[in-house]
C-alpha atoms as a PDB file:
ATOM      1  CA  UNK A   1     100.009  69.856  42.050  1.00  0.00           C
ATOM      2  CA  UNK A   2      98.330  67.210  44.143  1.00  0.00           C
ATOM      3  CA  UNK A   3      94.623  67.479  44.878  1.00  0.00           C
ATOM      4  CA  UNK A   4      95.154  67.764  48.636  1.00  0.00           C
ATOM      5  CA  UNK A   5      97.575  70.655  48.199  1.00  0.00           C
ATOM      6  CA  UNK A   6      95.198  72.394  45.786  1.00  0.00           C
ATOM      7  CA  UNK A   7      92.256  72.109  48.185  1.00  0.00           C
ATOM      8  CA  UNK A   8      94.435  73.294  51.066  1.00  0.00           C
ATOM      9  CA  UNK A   9      95.516  76.349  49.089  1.00  0.00           C
ATOM     10  CA  UNK A  10      91.829  77.131  48.515  1.00  0.00           C
ATOM     11  CA  UNK A  11      91.284  77.079  52.285  1.00  0.00           C
ATOM     12  CA  UNK A  12      89.376  73.802  52.261  1.00  0.00           C
ATOM     13  CA  UNK A  13      89.897  71.179  54.939  1.00  0.00           C
ATOM     14  CA  UNK A  14      91.409  68.176  53.169  1.00  0.00           C
ATOM     15  CA  UNK A  15      89.582  64.868  53.684  1.00  0.00           C
ATOM     16  CA  UNK A  16      89.568  61.575  51.781  1.00  0.00           C
ATOM     17  CA  UNK A  17      85.993  62.167  50.631  1.00  0.00           C
ATOM     18  CA  UNK A  18      86.746  65.686  49.346  1.00  0.00           C
ATOM     19  CA  UNK A  19      89.774  64.404  47.433  1.00  0.00           C
ATOM     20  CA  UNK A  20      87.691  61.575  45.941  1.00  0.00           C
ATOM     21  CA  UNK A  21      84.865  63.928  44.943  1.00  0.00           C
ATOM     22  CA  UNK A  22      87.305  66.348  43.326  1.00  0.00           C
ATOM     23  CA  UNK A  23      88.942  63.504  41.377  1.00  0.00           C
ATOM     24  CA  UNK A  24      85.571  62.219  40.136  1.00  0.00           C
ATOM     25  CA  UNK A  25      84.661  65.712  38.944  1.00  0.00           C
ATOM     26  CA  UNK A  26      88.009  66.275  37.261  1.00  0.00           C
ATOM     27  CA  UNK A  27      87.968  62.857  35.552  1.00  0.00           C
ATOM     28  CA  UNK A  28      84.700  63.669  33.743  1.00  0.00           C
ATOM     29  CA  UNK A  29      84.540  65.761  30.588  1.00  0.00           C
ATOM     30  CA  UNK A  30      80.974  66.815  31.271  1.00  0.00           C
ATOM     31  CA  UNK A  31      79.023  67.732  34.351  1.00  0.00           C
ATOM     32  CA  UNK A  32      77.786  65.021  36.707  1.00  0.00           C
ATOM     33  CA  UNK A  33      75.062  64.763  39.325  1.00  0.00           C
ATOM     34  CA  UNK A  34      75.576  64.404  43.062  1.00  0.00           C
ATOM     35  CA  UNK A  35      74.001  60.938  42.798  1.00  0.00           C
ATOM     36  CA  UNK A  36      76.597  59.945  40.180  1.00  0.00           C
ATOM     37  CA  UNK A  37      79.415  61.115  42.483  1.00  0.00           C
ATOM     38  CA  UNK A  38      77.881  59.245  45.412  1.00  0.00           C
ATOM     39  CA  UNK A  39      77.515  56.038  43.365  1.00  0.00           C
ATOM     40  CA  UNK A  40      81.121  56.276  42.148  1.00  0.00           C
ATOM     41  CA  UNK A  41      82.388  56.721  45.719  1.00  0.00           C
ATOM     42  CA  UNK A  42      80.356  53.754  46.928  1.00  0.00           C
ATOM     43  CA  UNK A  43      81.543  51.593  43.995  1.00  0.00           C
ATOM     44  CA  UNK A  44      85.150  51.934  45.190  1.00  0.00           C
ATOM     45  CA  UNK A  45      84.196  51.085  48.776  1.00  0.00           C
ATOM     46  CA  UNK A  46      84.154  54.563  50.320  1.00  0.00           C
ATOM     47  CA  UNK A  47      82.038  54.963  53.426  1.00  0.00           C
ATOM     48  CA  UNK A  48      80.286  58.201  52.486  1.00  0.00           C
ATOM     49  CA  UNK A  49      76.828  59.717  52.807  1.00  0.00           C
ATOM     50  CA  UNK A  50      74.973  61.549  50.056  1.00  0.00           C
ATOM     51  CA  UNK A  51      74.739  64.537  52.417  1.00  0.00           C
ATOM     52  CA  UNK A  52      78.566  64.624  52.538  1.00  0.00           C
ATOM     53  CA  UNK A  53      78.644  64.796  48.742  1.00  0.00           C
ATOM     54  CA  UNK A  54      76.191  67.711  48.737  1.00  0.00           C
ATOM     55  CA  UNK A  55      78.070  69.583  51.483  1.00  0.00           C
ATOM     56  CA  UNK A  56      81.359  69.104  49.638  1.00  0.00           C
ATOM     57  CA  UNK A  57      79.820  70.364  46.402  1.00  0.00           C
ATOM     58  CA  UNK A  58      78.550  73.441  48.263  1.00  0.00           C
ATOM     59  CA  UNK A  59      82.057  74.111  49.615  1.00  0.00           C
ATOM     60  CA  UNK A  60      83.620  73.642  46.166  1.00  0.00           C
ATOM     61  CA  UNK A  61      81.050  75.971  44.633  1.00  0.00           C
ATOM     62  CA  UNK A  62      81.613  78.629  47.302  1.00  0.00           C
ATOM     63  CA  UNK A  63      85.369  78.453  46.644  1.00  0.00           C
ATOM     64  CA  UNK A  64      84.697  78.718  42.884  1.00  0.00           C
ATOM     65  CA  UNK A  65      86.269  75.340  42.114  1.00  0.00           C
ATOM     66  CA  UNK A  66      83.150  74.004  40.417  1.00  0.00           C
ATOM     67  CA  UNK A  67      80.131  75.290  38.587  1.00  0.00           C
ATOM     68  CA  UNK A  68      76.587  74.243  39.376  1.00  0.00           C
ATOM     69  CA  UNK A  69      74.202  73.869  36.450  1.00  0.00           C
ATOM     70  CA  UNK A  70      70.447  74.113  36.920  1.00  0.00           C
ATOM     71  CA  UNK A  71      68.962  71.508  34.586  1.00  0.00           C
ATOM     72  CA  UNK A  72      65.370  72.336  35.541  1.00  0.00           C
ATOM     73  CA  UNK A  73      62.851  70.382  37.611  1.00  0.00           C
ATOM     74  CA  UNK A  74      65.051  70.674  40.705  1.00  0.00           C
ATOM     75  CA  UNK A  75      67.941  68.804  39.063  1.00  0.00           C
ATOM     76  CA  UNK A  76      71.526  70.034  39.105  1.00  0.00           C
ATOM     77  CA  UNK A  77      74.836  68.883  37.750  1.00  0.00           C
ATOM     78  CA  UNK A  78      78.356  69.918  38.639  1.00  0.00           C
ATOM     79  CA  UNK A  79      81.641  70.336  36.775  1.00  0.00           C
ATOM     80  CA  UNK A  80      85.123  71.625  37.456  1.00  0.00           C
ATOM     81  CA  UNK A  81      85.242  75.315  36.556  1.00  0.00           C
ATOM     82  CA  UNK A  82      86.948  75.756  33.206  1.00  0.00           C
ATOM     83  CA  UNK A  83      88.839  78.719  31.881  1.00  0.00           C
ATOM     84  CA  UNK A  84      85.980  80.804  30.655  1.00  0.00           C
ATOM     85  CA  UNK A  85      86.130  82.879  27.597  1.00  0.00           C
ATOM     86  CA  UNK A  86      84.440  86.215  27.610  1.00  0.00           C
ATOM     87  CA  UNK A  87      81.984  87.992  25.357  1.00  0.00           C
ATOM     88  CA  UNK A  88      81.572  91.689  24.776  1.00  0.00           C
ATOM     89  CA  UNK A  89      78.379  93.614  25.194  1.00  0.00           C
ATOM     90  CA  UNK A  90      78.171  96.844  23.217  1.00  0.00           C
ATOM     91  CA  UNK A  91      76.071  99.885  23.971  1.00  0.00           C
ATOM     92  CA  UNK A  92      73.869 100.644  20.967  1.00  0.00           C
ATOM     93  CA  UNK A  93      74.108 104.382  21.711  1.00  0.00           C
ATOM     94  CA  UNK A  94      77.726 105.221  22.619  1.00  0.00           C
ATOM     95  CA  UNK A  95      79.331 101.934  21.453  1.00  0.00           C
ATOM     96  CA  UNK A  96      81.112 101.412  24.770  1.00  0.00           C
ATOM     97  CA  UNK A  97      82.019  97.745  25.221  1.00  0.00           C
ATOM     98  CA  UNK A  98      82.485  95.697  28.365  1.00  0.00           C
ATOM     99  CA  UNK A  99      83.414  92.049  28.777  1.00  0.00           C
ATOM    100  CA  UNK A 100      81.034  89.590  30.398  1.00  0.00           C
ATOM    101  CA  UNK A 101      81.486  85.883  31.166  1.00  0.00           C
ATOM    102  CA  UNK A 102      80.092  83.513  28.549  1.00  0.00           C
ATOM    103  CA  UNK A 103      76.717  82.110  29.651  1.00  0.00           C
ATOM    104  CA  UNK A 104      76.810  79.244  27.164  1.00  0.00           C
ATOM    105  CA  UNK A 105      78.204  76.521  29.433  1.00  0.00           C
ATOM    106  CA  UNK A 106      74.910  76.439  31.350  1.00  0.00           C
ATOM    107  CA  UNK A 107      72.975  76.274  28.072  1.00  0.00           C
ATOM    108  CA  UNK A 108      75.307  73.539  26.808  1.00  0.00           C
ATOM    109  CA  UNK A 109      74.570  71.401  29.866  1.00  0.00           C
ATOM    110  CA  UNK A 110      70.814  71.863  29.456  1.00  0.00           C
ATOM    111  CA  UNK A 111      70.993  70.955  25.746  1.00  0.00           C
ATOM    112  CA  UNK A 112      73.082  67.873  26.463  1.00  0.00           C
ATOM    113  CA  UNK A 113      70.718  66.736  29.212  1.00  0.00           C
ATOM    114  CA  UNK A 114      67.504  67.353  27.277  1.00  0.00           C
ATOM    115  CA  UNK A 115      68.502  66.467  23.714  1.00  0.00           C
ATOM    116  CA  UNK A 116      71.801  64.565  23.838  1.00  0.00           C
ATOM    117  CA  UNK A 117      73.401  67.187  21.596  1.00  0.00           C
ATOM    118  CA  UNK A 118      76.900  68.364  22.402  1.00  0.00           C
ATOM    119  CA  UNK A 119      77.521  71.990  21.533  1.00  0.00           C
ATOM    120  CA  UNK A 120      80.623  72.324  19.351  1.00  0.00           C
ATOM    121  CA  UNK A 121      80.515  76.058  18.689  1.00  0.00           C
ATOM    122  CA  UNK A 122      78.440  79.130  19.324  1.00  0.00           C
ATOM    123  CA  UNK A 123      78.226  82.758  18.309  1.00  0.00           C
ATOM    124  CA  UNK A 124      76.808  85.240  20.723  1.00  0.00           C
ATOM    125  CA  UNK A 125      76.208  88.923  19.969  1.00  0.00           C
ATOM    126  CA  UNK A 126      75.167  91.053  22.911  1.00  0.00           C
ATOM    127  CA  UNK A 127      73.870  94.598  22.513  1.00  0.00           C
ATOM    128  CA  UNK A 128      72.102  96.870  24.911  1.00  0.00           C
ATOM    129  CA  UNK A 129      72.095 100.361  26.331  1.00  0.00           C
ATOM    130  CA  UNK A 130      74.611 101.211  29.031  1.00  0.00           C
ATOM    131  CA  UNK A 131      73.529 102.863  32.256  1.00  0.00           C
ATOM    132  CA  UNK A 132      74.925 106.271  31.295  1.00  0.00           C
ATOM    133  CA  UNK A 133      73.047 106.353  27.972  1.00  0.00           C
ATOM    134  CA  UNK A 134      69.901 105.024  29.639  1.00  0.00           C
ATOM    135  CA  UNK A 135      70.027 107.845  32.209  1.00  0.00           C
ATOM    136  CA  UNK A 136      70.428 110.509  29.479  1.00  0.00           C
ATOM    137  CA  UNK A 137      66.848 109.950  28.318  1.00  0.00           C
END
């Protein structure tokens, strides 16, 4: 499917800048900053403002096309939303399990930004007390 069609199906007005921003995001394996996107657009001769990049990223985030990663100190990076795997959280009392989205992609981006390490695997065990068991006490 072409980018324009995809954006249109998501209810997003299709513009040259939105198509370019989507392509830049999808061409990168890791998350990128708004400044990086802006610089890439300018390097190919696009007449675009940094504010347009930020507005487009906000629209993409609202439509759940991208994820926004808080890197700390007011810095953010953005990446196309990937198929997320889920984790289970188990109640320590009744052993009921529910699935929750994996929070590790955010942690992976922070690690990569701060240390240069790329996370290749993780194991995450989540346990707690469900609301029903908590209310029994």
